[in-house]
């Protein structure tokens, strides 16, 4: 087929590529501006993508990277069930199935066919995290006590939810009858439709402006060039087998709640294989990582460690293989529950990062401080209506060989901290403290990023709290002799009495209760004795390290 395509110039290829990127980015801007929930509107928990008629990923918006590997699988499934030329303009297929999609029910994929002059020409896709899809807990991310997927909320296998631009009223009645905040979910689904309609229109403009043959030729060039570049970067890695082991905490008390996770990476010439099969078996708690999600973050980690600027498209994925034995934690079999799987994405990256540190020491980093994703829901006494407080807290990055870890930055997921003012305006809470925690970053030649503190008081009524965090048992590791970060903690203060919680707990709160969340510090890099005294003095002046902490962690200085 390729020899029949027209010859195209590098300038034309560049213009087409930049148009494809622009389409995905404009879709994201539309989704953010028209969304209802804080999860989408403020936290950017969504992704957008453009696919050709063959189901190849052409470009993806610079949003949540965990969807990079799962979005193509969704398009393959949808196109098999609903061939593009069997649909009509304005139709859309929706699914939130964990195994088919990105791993948990709150993530809704919406897939629109793109028609140009009545001819099917591609797929326009987005995914957004819905604030609630029913199930055992508000926010649909309860971990402990959920033993099968049927408890997690409404499951939607691929279905034509939109016909000629209009949501099917019967499907919507079923959906809204099973969720806690129907207005927010319906609003966010409408925002997803808006975004895809923009994408369809822009994609049609591109096809008409350059012509179908030129576009096909440019796409082949772009995908082949991306594959070539990725293979060149992999070939620069020394051949060998690289492994790393760690633990995920939080499905029970202390050491008994740890989940063993492991990776083995094989590099041979210009091919790289990632195998998670040595990890523990799937667990009877809603924290399993369905394989699409595992694969997505495997691709992302390799891209970060080889060529972060590589275009996000099908070509760059061809040289990478991700594997996990059926039934293991990273490839569970249905109906394994997975509502809290978002907590795993950082660990997938850290496993690959830890393994590749042996081959690429100057491109890897120590462990992140992790994050916290608390959800608080009840009836707001001021309005008599249900509220869902959905939060994302981000601490520090792990140190690198030549730089300290960043503070207050989202690890891996590319989301944003939700402003305190937004939470206090929309939910009966007051945030008493939001601050970096000194002396929590791992000591080293380069210091790990600090942990984060947030204190949240419930002001009225009662509410249900679902915690989704990590690193309460095993601290974030250092690298190349660097120290570990401080442990995370979650504490409930009621009537002056403190109760320590585990990282993925669910409990009831009442008015006046205070939730104290403390994110772990990130790991350090290199021996602490090698730290530049001037850097340590700056840390003390900036409040990242106290004088007492300096004496404890850097005694040689």
Protein backbone atom coordinates (compact mmCIF):
# COMPACT_ATOMS: atom_id res chain seq x y z
CA UNK A 1 0.00 0.00 0.00
CA UNK A 2 2.79 2.39 0.86
CA UNK A 3 4.26 2.52 -2.64
CA UNK A 4 0.95 3.85 -3.97
CA UNK A 5 0.96 6.81 -1.59
CA UNK A 6 2.14 10.22 -2.78
CA UNK A 7 5.55 11.56 -1.89
CA UNK A 8 5.36 14.16 0.88
CA UNK A 9 7.87 16.74 2.03
CA UNK A 10 9.23 17.05 5.58
CA UNK A 11 7.40 20.38 5.87
CA UNK A 12 4.06 18.75 5.04
CA UNK A 13 4.74 15.94 7.50
CA UNK A 14 5.55 18.48 10.21
CA UNK A 15 2.39 20.47 9.52
CA UNK A 16 0.23 17.33 9.66
CA UNK A 17 1.85 16.17 12.89
CA UNK A 18 1.39 19.52 14.59
CA UNK A 19 -2.23 19.55 13.50
CA UNK A 20 -2.78 16.10 15.02
CA UNK A 21 -1.23 17.23 18.31
CA UNK A 22 -3.29 20.42 18.25
CA UNK A 23 -6.53 18.46 17.77
CA UNK A 24 -5.88 16.30 20.84
CA UNK A 25 -4.90 19.33 22.94
CA UNK A 26 -7.96 21.35 21.87
CA UNK A 27 -10.17 18.41 22.77
CA UNK A 28 -8.65 18.45 26.26
CA UNK A 29 -9.20 22.18 26.64
CA UNK A 30 -12.86 21.77 25.65
CA UNK A 31 -13.33 18.90 28.09
CA UNK A 32 -11.81 20.85 30.96
CA UNK A 33 -13.77 24.04 30.28
CA UNK A 34 -17.17 22.35 30.03
CA UNK A 35 -16.81 19.71 32.77
CA UNK A 36 -18.83 19.74 36.00
CA UNK A 37 -16.77 17.81 38.55
CA UNK A 38 -13.57 18.85 40.32
CA UNK A 39 -11.93 15.61 39.15
CA UNK A 40 -12.13 16.72 35.51
CA UNK A 41 -12.46 20.51 35.72
CA UNK A 42 -9.66 21.11 38.25
CA UNK A 43 -7.57 17.93 38.46
CA UNK A 44 -7.30 17.19 34.69
CA UNK A 45 -8.07 13.50 35.24
CA UNK A 46 -8.72 12.76 31.58
CA UNK A 47 -7.03 12.05 28.25
CA UNK A 48 -7.77 12.60 24.57
CA UNK A 49 -6.66 10.80 21.43
CA UNK A 50 -6.92 10.75 17.64
CA UNK A 51 -6.90 7.45 15.70
CA UNK A 52 -6.96 6.71 11.98
CA UNK A 53 -9.49 4.39 10.34
CA UNK A 54 -7.14 1.43 10.93
CA UNK A 55 -7.28 2.00 14.69
CA UNK A 56 -3.72 3.34 14.98
CA UNK A 57 -3.07 5.97 17.63
CA UNK A 58 -1.94 9.13 15.82
CA UNK A 59 -1.66 11.57 18.71
CA UNK A 60 -2.63 11.89 22.34
CA UNK A 61 -3.13 15.00 24.43
CA UNK A 62 -0.56 15.75 27.10
CA UNK A 63 -2.82 14.69 29.94
CA UNK A 64 -2.99 11.55 32.09
CA UNK A 65 -0.32 9.23 30.60
CA UNK A 66 -1.77 6.02 32.05
CA UNK A 67 -4.27 6.02 29.21
CA UNK A 68 -1.54 5.80 26.56
CA UNK A 69 -1.54 2.02 26.47
CA UNK A 70 -5.22 1.41 27.24
CA UNK A 71 -6.84 3.73 24.71
CA UNK A 72 -5.67 1.68 21.66
CA UNK A 73 -7.09 -1.48 23.23
CA UNK A 74 -10.45 0.24 23.69
CA UNK A 75 -10.50 1.36 20.07
CA UNK A 76 -9.72 -2.18 18.89
CA UNK A 77 -12.60 -3.56 20.94
CA UNK A 78 -15.06 -0.87 19.88
CA UNK A 79 -14.16 -1.09 16.18
CA UNK A 80 -14.67 -4.87 16.24
CA UNK A 81 -18.11 -4.51 17.81
CA UNK A 82 -19.12 -1.38 15.90
CA UNK A 83 -17.25 -1.09 12.59
CA UNK A 84 -16.82 2.58 11.75
CA UNK A 85 -18.79 2.45 8.50
CA UNK A 86 -21.75 0.90 10.36
CA UNK A 87 -22.16 4.04 12.47
CA UNK A 88 -23.56 7.47 11.69
CA UNK A 89 -22.12 10.95 12.28
CA UNK A 90 -22.73 11.97 15.89
CA UNK A 91 -22.87 8.40 17.21
CA UNK A 92 -20.63 7.47 20.13
CA UNK A 93 -19.73 4.27 21.93
CA UNK A 94 -19.15 4.37 25.70
CA UNK A 95 -17.55 1.82 28.02
CA UNK A 96 -16.09 1.80 31.53
CA UNK A 97 -15.27 -1.91 31.78
CA UNK A 98 -12.12 -2.46 33.85
CA UNK A 99 -10.61 -5.19 31.68
CA UNK A 100 -11.43 -3.52 28.35
CA UNK A 101 -10.49 -0.02 29.50
CA UNK A 102 -8.06 1.58 31.91
CA UNK A 103 -8.70 -0.61 34.90
CA UNK A 104 -11.57 0.75 37.02
CA UNK A 105 -15.20 1.71 36.55
CA UNK A 106 -14.91 5.48 37.20
CA UNK A 107 -13.01 5.89 33.92
CA UNK A 108 -15.48 6.34 31.05
CA UNK A 109 -14.21 6.04 27.47
CA UNK A 110 -16.18 7.78 24.73
CA UNK A 111 -15.39 6.83 21.13
CA UNK A 112 -16.74 8.84 18.17
CA UNK A 113 -16.37 7.86 14.52
CA UNK A 114 -15.03 10.64 12.29
CA UNK A 115 -16.74 11.00 8.91
CA UNK A 116 -15.54 13.16 6.04
CA UNK A 117 -18.14 13.70 3.33
CA UNK A 118 -19.98 10.60 4.51
CA UNK A 119 -16.92 8.36 4.53
CA UNK A 120 -15.57 6.89 7.77
CA UNK A 121 -12.03 8.13 8.30
CA UNK A 122 -11.00 7.62 11.92
CA UNK A 123 -11.81 7.54 15.62
CA UNK A 124 -11.87 10.45 18.04
CA UNK A 125 -11.58 9.32 21.66
CA UNK A 126 -11.47 10.65 25.19
CA UNK A 127 -11.58 9.23 28.68
CA UNK A 128 -12.61 11.03 31.87
CA UNK A 129 -12.74 9.98 35.50
CA UNK A 130 -16.33 10.15 36.76
CA UNK A 131 -16.72 11.23 40.38
CA UNK A 132 -19.05 8.32 41.21
CA UNK A 133 -20.36 5.20 39.46
CA UNK A 134 -22.21 3.64 42.40
CA UNK A 135 -21.00 0.59 44.27
CA UNK A 136 -19.99 0.05 47.87
CA UNK A 137 -18.67 3.55 48.63
CA UNK A 138 -19.09 7.12 47.40
CA UNK A 139 -16.53 7.78 44.71
CA UNK A 140 -16.46 4.06 43.83
CA UNK A 141 -12.87 3.49 45.02
CA UNK A 142 -13.34 1.45 48.20
CA UNK A 143 -10.49 -1.07 48.49
CA UNK A 144 -10.76 -3.17 51.65
CA UNK A 145 -13.91 -5.26 51.93
CA UNK A 146 -14.60 -5.29 48.18
CA UNK A 147 -13.88 -8.80 46.94
CA UNK A 148 -15.34 -8.83 43.43
CA UNK A 149 -16.00 -6.36 40.64
CA UNK A 150 -19.76 -6.64 40.98
CA UNK A 151 -19.55 -4.62 44.20
CA UNK A 152 -17.78 -1.69 42.56
CA UNK A 153 -20.60 0.06 40.72
CA UNK A 154 -22.32 0.02 37.38
CA UNK A 155 -20.37 -1.74 34.63
CA UNK A 156 -20.96 -0.59 31.07
CA UNK A 157 -19.75 -2.84 28.28
CA UNK A 158 -19.36 -1.03 24.92
CA UNK A 159 -22.75 0.44 24.02
CA UNK A 160 -24.01 3.11 21.64
CA UNK A 161 -24.86 5.73 24.26
CA UNK A 162 -25.09 8.67 21.84
CA UNK A 163 -27.04 8.61 18.58
CA UNK A 164 -26.76 11.55 16.19
CA UNK A 165 -25.38 13.72 18.98
CA UNK A 166 -28.12 12.89 21.52
CA UNK A 167 -27.70 10.70 24.61
CA UNK A 168 -29.95 7.64 24.56
CA UNK A 169 -32.57 8.44 27.26
CA UNK A 170 -33.15 4.80 28.24
CA UNK A 171 -29.45 4.09 28.78
CA UNK A 172 -29.11 7.34 30.73
CA UNK A 173 -32.02 6.37 33.00
CA UNK A 174 -30.25 3.13 33.85
CA UNK A 175 -26.97 4.95 34.46
CA UNK A 176 -28.31 7.82 36.57
CA UNK A 177 -30.42 5.42 38.62
CA UNK A 178 -27.25 3.72 39.87
CA UNK A 179 -24.99 6.62 40.80
CA UNK A 180 -24.87 9.10 43.69
CA UNK A 181 -24.25 12.37 41.82
CA UNK A 182 -26.16 12.05 38.53
CA UNK A 183 -25.95 15.74 37.68
CA UNK A 184 -22.16 15.77 37.87
CA UNK A 185 -21.78 12.56 35.86
CA UNK A 186 -24.26 13.64 33.19
CA UNK A 187 -22.49 17.00 32.99
CA UNK A 188 -19.07 15.40 32.58
CA UNK A 189 -20.38 12.99 29.94
CA UNK A 190 -21.74 15.98 28.03
CA UNK A 191 -18.30 17.57 28.30
CA UNK A 192 -16.78 14.41 26.85
CA UNK A 193 -19.22 14.62 23.94
CA UNK A 194 -18.32 18.28 23.44
CA UNK A 195 -14.62 17.45 23.31
CA UNK A 196 -15.07 14.68 20.77
CA UNK A 197 -17.29 16.82 18.55
CA UNK A 198 -14.50 19.39 18.45
CA UNK A 199 -12.04 16.63 17.58
CA UNK A 200 -14.24 15.26 14.79
CA UNK A 201 -14.64 18.72 13.25
CA UNK A 202 -10.93 19.53 13.44
CA UNK A 203 -9.93 16.12 12.05
CA UNK A 204 -12.30 16.60 9.11
CA UNK A 205 -10.71 19.99 8.41
CA UNK A 206 -7.27 18.37 8.36
CA UNK A 207 -8.30 15.60 5.95
CA UNK A 208 -9.97 18.07 3.60
CA UNK A 209 -7.04 20.50 3.70
CA UNK A 210 -4.29 18.03 2.77
CA UNK A 211 -6.26 15.28 1.05
CA UNK A 212 -6.72 11.66 2.03
CA UNK A 213 -3.69 10.34 0.19
CA UNK A 214 -1.32 12.94 1.61
CA UNK A 215 -2.65 12.34 5.13
CA UNK A 216 -2.12 8.57 4.82
CA UNK A 217 1.42 9.10 3.57
CA UNK A 218 2.21 11.52 6.40
CA UNK A 219 0.79 9.14 9.00
CA UNK A 220 2.94 6.27 7.71
CA UNK A 221 6.03 8.50 7.86
CA UNK A 222 5.22 9.72 11.36
CA UNK A 223 4.55 6.28 12.83
CA UNK A 224 7.57 4.69 11.15
CA UNK A 225 9.82 7.53 12.33
CA UNK A 226 8.53 7.18 15.89
CA UNK A 227 9.20 3.45 15.86
CA UNK A 228 12.69 3.99 14.42
CA UNK A 229 13.53 6.57 17.07
CA UNK A 230 12.30 4.39 19.92
CA UNK A 231 14.29 1.42 18.64
CA UNK A 232 17.40 3.59 18.40
CA UNK A 233 16.99 4.68 22.02
CA UNK A 234 16.45 1.10 23.20
CA UNK A 235 19.53 -0.02 21.28
CA UNK A 236 21.58 2.45 23.33
CA UNK A 237 20.73 0.52 26.52
CA UNK A 238 23.20 -2.28 27.33
CA UNK A 239 21.71 -5.69 26.57
CA UNK A 240 20.78 -7.63 29.67
CA UNK A 241 18.16 -8.57 32.24
CA UNK A 242 17.29 -5.97 34.85
CA UNK A 243 15.03 -6.63 37.85
CA UNK A 244 13.48 -4.83 40.79
CA UNK A 245 11.23 -5.83 43.70
CA UNK A 246 9.09 -3.76 46.04
CA UNK A 247 5.87 -3.84 48.09
CA UNK A 248 2.55 -2.04 47.90
CA UNK A 249 0.88 -1.47 51.26
CA UNK A 250 -2.56 -0.95 52.57
CA UNK A 251 -4.89 -3.98 52.41
CA UNK A 252 -4.37 -4.89 56.05
CA UNK A 253 -2.49 -3.90 59.17
CA UNK A 254 1.28 -3.45 58.94
CA UNK A 255 3.43 -6.02 57.19
CA UNK A 256 0.45 -8.33 56.76
CA UNK A 257 -1.13 -5.94 54.29
CA UNK A 258 1.82 -5.79 51.91
CA UNK A 259 1.50 -6.90 48.27
CA UNK A 260 4.75 -8.10 46.62
CA UNK A 261 5.37 -6.51 43.23
CA UNK A 262 8.27 -7.18 40.89
CA UNK A 263 9.49 -6.61 37.35
CA UNK A 264 12.05 -8.21 35.03
CA UNK A 265 13.17 -6.25 31.96
CA UNK A 266 14.98 -7.85 29.03
CA UNK A 267 16.86 -5.63 26.60
CA UNK A 268 18.07 -7.26 23.39
CA UNK A 269 19.23 -5.01 20.60
CA UNK A 270 16.39 -2.66 19.70
CA UNK A 271 13.68 -4.57 21.57
CA UNK A 272 12.62 -4.28 25.20
CA UNK A 273 10.37 -6.64 27.15
CA UNK A 274 8.79 -5.86 30.53
CA UNK A 275 7.53 -8.81 32.58
CA UNK A 276 5.60 -8.42 35.86
CA UNK A 277 4.95 -12.15 36.29
CA UNK A 278 7.02 -12.56 39.47
CA UNK A 279 4.61 -10.28 41.32
CA UNK A 280 2.14 -11.74 43.80
CA UNK A 281 -1.24 -13.12 42.85
CA UNK A 282 -4.35 -11.00 42.42
CA UNK A 283 -5.87 -10.07 45.77
CA UNK A 284 -9.34 -10.06 47.27
CA UNK A 285 -9.40 -6.28 47.56
CA UNK A 286 -10.14 -3.57 45.01
CA UNK A 287 -6.54 -2.69 44.19
CA UNK A 288 -5.66 -5.08 41.33
CA UNK A 289 -4.16 -3.67 38.13
CA UNK A 290 -5.90 -4.96 35.02
CA UNK A 291 -3.46 -5.61 32.20
CA UNK A 292 -4.44 -2.64 30.01
CA UNK A 293 -3.53 -0.34 32.89
CA UNK A 294 -0.29 -2.22 33.57
CA UNK A 295 0.70 -2.03 29.92
CA UNK A 296 -0.15 1.67 29.71
CA UNK A 297 2.22 2.61 32.50
CA UNK A 298 4.85 0.22 31.21
CA UNK A 299 4.91 2.10 27.90
CA UNK A 300 4.95 5.43 29.71
CA UNK A 301 7.88 4.51 31.95
CA UNK A 302 10.02 3.35 29.05
CA UNK A 303 9.21 6.52 27.11
CA UNK A 304 10.24 8.67 30.09
CA UNK A 305 13.53 6.83 30.55
CA UNK A 306 14.51 6.68 26.88
CA UNK A 307 13.03 9.64 24.98
CA UNK A 308 10.46 11.79 26.82
CA UNK A 309 9.95 13.97 23.76
CA UNK A 310 9.02 11.04 21.54
CA UNK A 311 5.56 11.56 19.99
CA UNK A 312 2.76 9.74 21.75
CA UNK A 313 1.54 7.47 18.97
CA UNK A 314 1.32 3.89 17.79
CA UNK A 315 4.81 3.86 16.30
CA UNK A 316 6.59 4.40 19.60
CA UNK A 317 4.81 1.42 21.15
CA UNK A 318 5.86 -1.18 18.58
CA UNK A 319 9.29 -1.92 20.05
CA UNK A 320 8.04 -2.50 23.61
CA UNK A 321 6.41 -5.68 24.93
CA UNK A 322 4.65 -5.79 28.30
CA UNK A 323 3.81 -9.15 29.90
CA UNK A 324 2.25 -10.45 33.12
CA UNK A 325 1.08 -13.99 33.87
CA UNK A 326 -2.71 -14.40 34.04
CA UNK A 327 -3.91 -14.25 37.63
CA UNK A 328 -1.03 -12.17 38.96
CA UNK A 329 -1.54 -8.77 40.56
CA UNK A 330 -0.75 -6.98 37.29
CA UNK A 331 -2.97 -9.19 35.13
CA UNK A 332 -5.96 -10.17 37.28
CA UNK A 333 -8.84 -12.18 35.88
CA UNK A 334 -12.43 -10.95 36.03
CA UNK A 335 -14.22 -10.48 38.40
CA UNK A 336 -11.19 -9.27 40.33
CA UNK A 337 -11.99 -5.87 41.92
CA UNK A 338 -9.86 -2.89 40.94
CA UNK A 339 -11.56 0.36 42.03
CA UNK A 340 -8.47 1.67 43.82
CA UNK A 341 -6.05 0.78 41.06
CA UNK A 342 -5.00 4.44 40.65
CA UNK A 343 -2.67 3.96 43.63
CA UNK A 344 -0.64 1.45 41.61
CA UNK A 345 0.40 3.62 38.68
CA UNK A 346 3.27 5.19 40.62
CA UNK A 347 4.53 1.78 41.72
CA UNK A 348 4.55 0.48 38.14
CA UNK A 349 6.79 3.38 37.15
CA UNK A 350 9.00 2.89 40.21
CA UNK A 351 9.48 -0.80 39.48
CA UNK A 352 10.65 -0.10 35.93
CA UNK A 353 12.68 2.88 37.10
CA UNK A 354 14.35 0.75 39.78
CA UNK A 355 15.23 -1.98 37.31
CA UNK A 356 16.56 0.41 34.69
CA UNK A 357 18.69 2.24 37.28
CA UNK A 358 21.22 -0.55 36.79
CA UNK A 359 21.50 0.29 33.09
CA UNK A 360 20.64 4.02 33.02
CA UNK A 361 21.76 5.44 36.38
CA UNK A 362 21.78 9.03 35.13
CA UNK A 363 18.21 8.87 33.81
CA UNK A 364 16.48 7.29 36.80
CA UNK A 365 15.43 8.67 40.18
CA UNK A 366 14.69 7.63 43.73
CA UNK A 367 11.12 6.77 44.76
CA UNK A 368 8.33 9.35 44.81
CA UNK A 369 6.60 10.44 47.99
CA UNK A 370 3.54 8.79 46.43
CA UNK A 371 0.21 10.63 46.71
CA UNK A 372 -3.19 10.61 48.45
CA UNK A 373 -6.66 10.45 46.91
CA UNK A 374 -9.19 10.83 49.76
CA UNK A 375 -12.92 10.88 49.00
CA UNK A 376 -15.37 12.25 51.57
CA UNK A 377 -19.13 12.07 50.99
CA UNK A 378 -22.31 12.75 52.91
CA UNK A 379 -25.22 15.17 53.14
CA UNK A 380 -24.38 18.87 53.33
CA UNK A 381 -26.52 20.33 56.15
CA UNK A 382 -26.44 23.73 54.43
CA UNK A 383 -28.19 22.46 51.29
CA UNK A 384 -29.67 19.10 52.22
CA UNK A 385 -27.90 17.63 49.19
CA UNK A 386 -25.24 14.98 48.84
CA UNK A 387 -21.68 16.13 48.31
CA UNK A 388 -18.55 14.27 47.23
CA UNK A 389 -15.24 15.79 48.23
CA UNK A 390 -12.73 14.35 45.76
CA UNK A 391 -9.12 15.30 46.42
CA UNK A 392 -5.67 14.72 44.96
CA UNK A 393 -2.58 15.46 47.07
CA UNK A 394 0.92 15.42 45.61
CA UNK A 395 4.19 15.53 47.50
CA UNK A 396 7.77 15.32 46.27
CA UNK A 397 9.74 13.70 43.46
CA UNK A 398 12.64 11.40 44.13
CA UNK A 399 16.10 12.89 43.75
CA UNK A 400 18.19 12.31 40.63
CA UNK A 401 21.94 11.99 40.28
CA UNK A 402 22.30 15.72 39.59
CA UNK A 403 19.22 17.36 41.13
CA UNK A 404 17.05 17.45 44.24
CA UNK A 405 13.50 16.17 44.05
CA UNK A 406 10.78 18.64 43.11
CA UNK A 407 8.15 19.63 45.66
CA UNK A 408 4.35 19.42 45.35
CA UNK A 409 4.34 17.90 41.87
CA UNK A 410 2.11 15.15 40.48
CA UNK A 411 4.05 11.91 39.98
CA UNK A 412 3.28 9.97 36.80
CA UNK A 413 -0.40 10.91 36.41
CA UNK A 414 0.04 14.54 35.24
CA UNK A 415 -2.93 15.77 37.28
CA UNK A 416 -3.15 18.92 39.38
CA UNK A 417 -3.74 19.77 43.03
CA UNK A 418 -7.36 20.89 43.46
CA UNK A 419 -7.47 24.38 45.04
CA UNK A 420 -8.49 24.61 48.69
CA UNK A 421 -10.99 27.34 47.78
CA UNK A 422 -12.81 25.02 45.38
CA UNK A 423 -13.19 22.34 48.05
CA UNK A 424 -14.35 24.73 50.75
CA UNK A 425 -16.89 26.29 48.39
CA UNK A 426 -18.36 23.00 47.24
CA UNK A 427 -18.24 20.81 50.37
CA UNK A 428 -18.86 21.35 54.13
CA UNK A 429 -15.15 21.27 54.99
CA UNK A 430 -12.44 23.65 56.09
CA UNK A 431 -8.77 23.02 55.33
CA UNK A 432 -6.72 24.06 58.33
CA UNK A 433 -3.31 23.24 56.88
CA UNK A 434 -1.68 22.62 53.52
CA UNK A 435 2.10 22.67 53.79
CA UNK A 436 5.34 20.92 52.90
CA UNK A 437 6.82 18.81 55.69
CA UNK A 438 10.46 19.56 56.60
CA UNK A 439 12.88 16.70 57.30
CA UNK A 440 10.81 14.19 55.31
CA UNK A 441 12.79 14.07 52.04
CA UNK A 442 15.39 11.31 51.94
CA UNK A 443 18.91 12.51 52.72
CA UNK A 444 21.56 12.20 50.06
CA UNK A 445 23.99 13.91 47.80
CA UNK A 446 20.74 15.07 46.26
CA UNK A 447 17.77 15.42 48.61
CA UNK A 448 14.39 13.83 48.00
CA UNK A 449 11.33 16.05 47.72
CA UNK A 450 9.42 16.81 50.91
CA UNK A 451 6.16 15.19 51.92
CA UNK A 452 2.93 17.15 52.17
CA UNK A 453 0.59 17.82 55.10
CA UNK A 454 -3.13 18.50 54.76
CA UNK A 455 -5.62 18.84 57.64
CA UNK A 456 -9.32 18.68 56.69
CA UNK A 457 -12.21 19.25 59.13
CA UNK A 458 -15.76 18.10 58.43
CA UNK A 459 -18.08 20.96 59.37
CA UNK A 460 -21.55 19.46 59.24
CA UNK A 461 -23.52 16.24 59.49
CA UNK A 462 -21.75 12.95 58.93
CA UNK A 463 -19.81 11.55 56.04
CA UNK A 464 -18.07 8.45 54.70
CA UNK A 465 -14.33 8.63 54.12
CA UNK A 466 -12.47 6.46 51.62
CA UNK A 467 -8.68 6.66 51.72
CA UNK A 468 -6.47 5.78 48.77
CA UNK A 469 -2.80 6.28 49.60
CA UNK A 470 0.38 4.30 50.10
CA UNK A 471 3.84 4.21 51.74
CA UNK A 472 2.47 3.89 55.27
CA UNK A 473 4.52 0.70 55.86
CA UNK A 474 7.49 0.69 53.47
CA UNK A 475 9.08 4.13 52.90
CA UNK A 476 10.06 5.45 49.47
CA UNK A 477 13.50 4.05 48.73
CA UNK A 478 16.63 6.02 48.02
CA UNK A 479 18.98 5.41 45.12
CA UNK A 480 22.73 4.79 44.92
CA UNK A 481 23.21 5.11 48.68
CA UNK A 482 20.59 7.81 49.21
CA UNK A 483 18.30 7.68 52.23
CA UNK A 484 14.65 6.65 52.25
CA UNK A 485 11.94 9.26 52.67
CA UNK A 486 9.82 9.51 55.81
CA UNK A 487 6.75 7.28 56.05
CA UNK A 488 3.28 8.56 55.25
CA UNK A 489 0.46 8.56 57.78
CA UNK A 490 -3.29 9.15 58.00
CA UNK A 491 -4.82 10.12 61.34
CA UNK A 492 -8.39 10.79 62.45
CA UNK A 493 -8.74 13.26 65.34
CA UNK A 494 -12.08 13.02 67.17
CA UNK A 495 -12.72 14.86 70.43
CA UNK A 496 -8.98 15.28 70.88
CA UNK A 497 -8.23 11.55 70.46
CA UNK A 498 -5.99 10.48 67.59
CA UNK A 499 -6.64 7.23 65.71
CA UNK A 500 -4.05 6.03 63.21
CA UNK A 501 -5.53 4.76 59.94
CA UNK A 502 -4.14 2.48 57.25
CA UNK A 503 -3.58 3.80 53.75
CA UNK A 504 -6.67 2.35 52.08
CA UNK A 505 -9.19 2.43 54.91
CA UNK A 506 -12.87 3.37 54.89
CA UNK A 507 -14.65 4.83 57.92
CA UNK A 508 -17.40 7.20 59.03
CA UNK A 509 -16.72 10.79 60.09
CA UNK A 510 -18.90 13.25 61.99
CA UNK A 511 -18.98 17.02 62.27
CA UNK A 512 -15.90 18.30 64.06
CA UNK A 513 -13.68 15.38 63.05
CA UNK A 514 -10.28 16.29 61.66
CA UNK A 515 -8.44 14.21 59.06
CA UNK A 516 -4.66 14.62 59.11
CA UNK A 517 -3.01 13.40 55.94
CA UNK A 518 0.77 13.21 55.78
CA UNK A 519 2.39 12.16 52.51
CA UNK A 520 5.72 10.38 52.63
CA UNK A 521 8.95 12.11 51.75
CA UNK A 522 10.66 11.08 48.51
CA UNK A 523 13.93 9.15 48.38
CA UNK A 524 17.38 10.72 48.21
CA UNK A 525 20.16 10.02 45.71
CA UNK A 526 23.79 9.28 46.64
CA UNK A 527 25.46 9.29 50.06
CA UNK A 528 24.41 12.10 52.41
CA UNK A 529 28.07 12.77 53.26
CA UNK A 530 28.59 13.98 49.68
CA UNK A 531 25.98 16.76 49.85
CA UNK A 532 27.25 20.24 49.10
CA UNK A 533 27.17 22.20 52.40
CA UNK A 534 25.86 25.24 50.50
CA UNK A 535 22.84 23.21 49.32
CA UNK A 536 22.16 22.09 52.89
CA UNK A 537 22.35 25.69 54.09
CA UNK A 538 19.82 26.66 51.41
CA UNK A 539 17.55 23.80 52.52
CA UNK A 540 17.60 25.08 56.09
CA UNK A 541 16.93 28.66 54.95
CA UNK A 542 14.03 27.51 52.75
CA UNK A 543 12.49 25.35 55.48
CA UNK A 544 12.96 22.01 53.70
CA UNK A 545 15.32 20.82 56.43
CA UNK A 546 15.42 21.95 60.07
CA UNK A 547 18.64 22.53 61.99
CA UNK A 548 17.89 19.42 64.07
CA UNK A 549 17.13 17.43 60.92
CA UNK A 550 20.39 18.52 59.36
CA UNK A 551 22.33 17.37 62.42
CA UNK A 552 20.55 14.00 62.33
CA UNK A 553 20.67 13.26 58.60
CA UNK A 554 23.89 15.02 57.60
CA UNK A 555 26.18 14.57 60.63
CA UNK A 556 29.33 14.70 58.50
CA UNK A 557 28.46 18.22 57.34
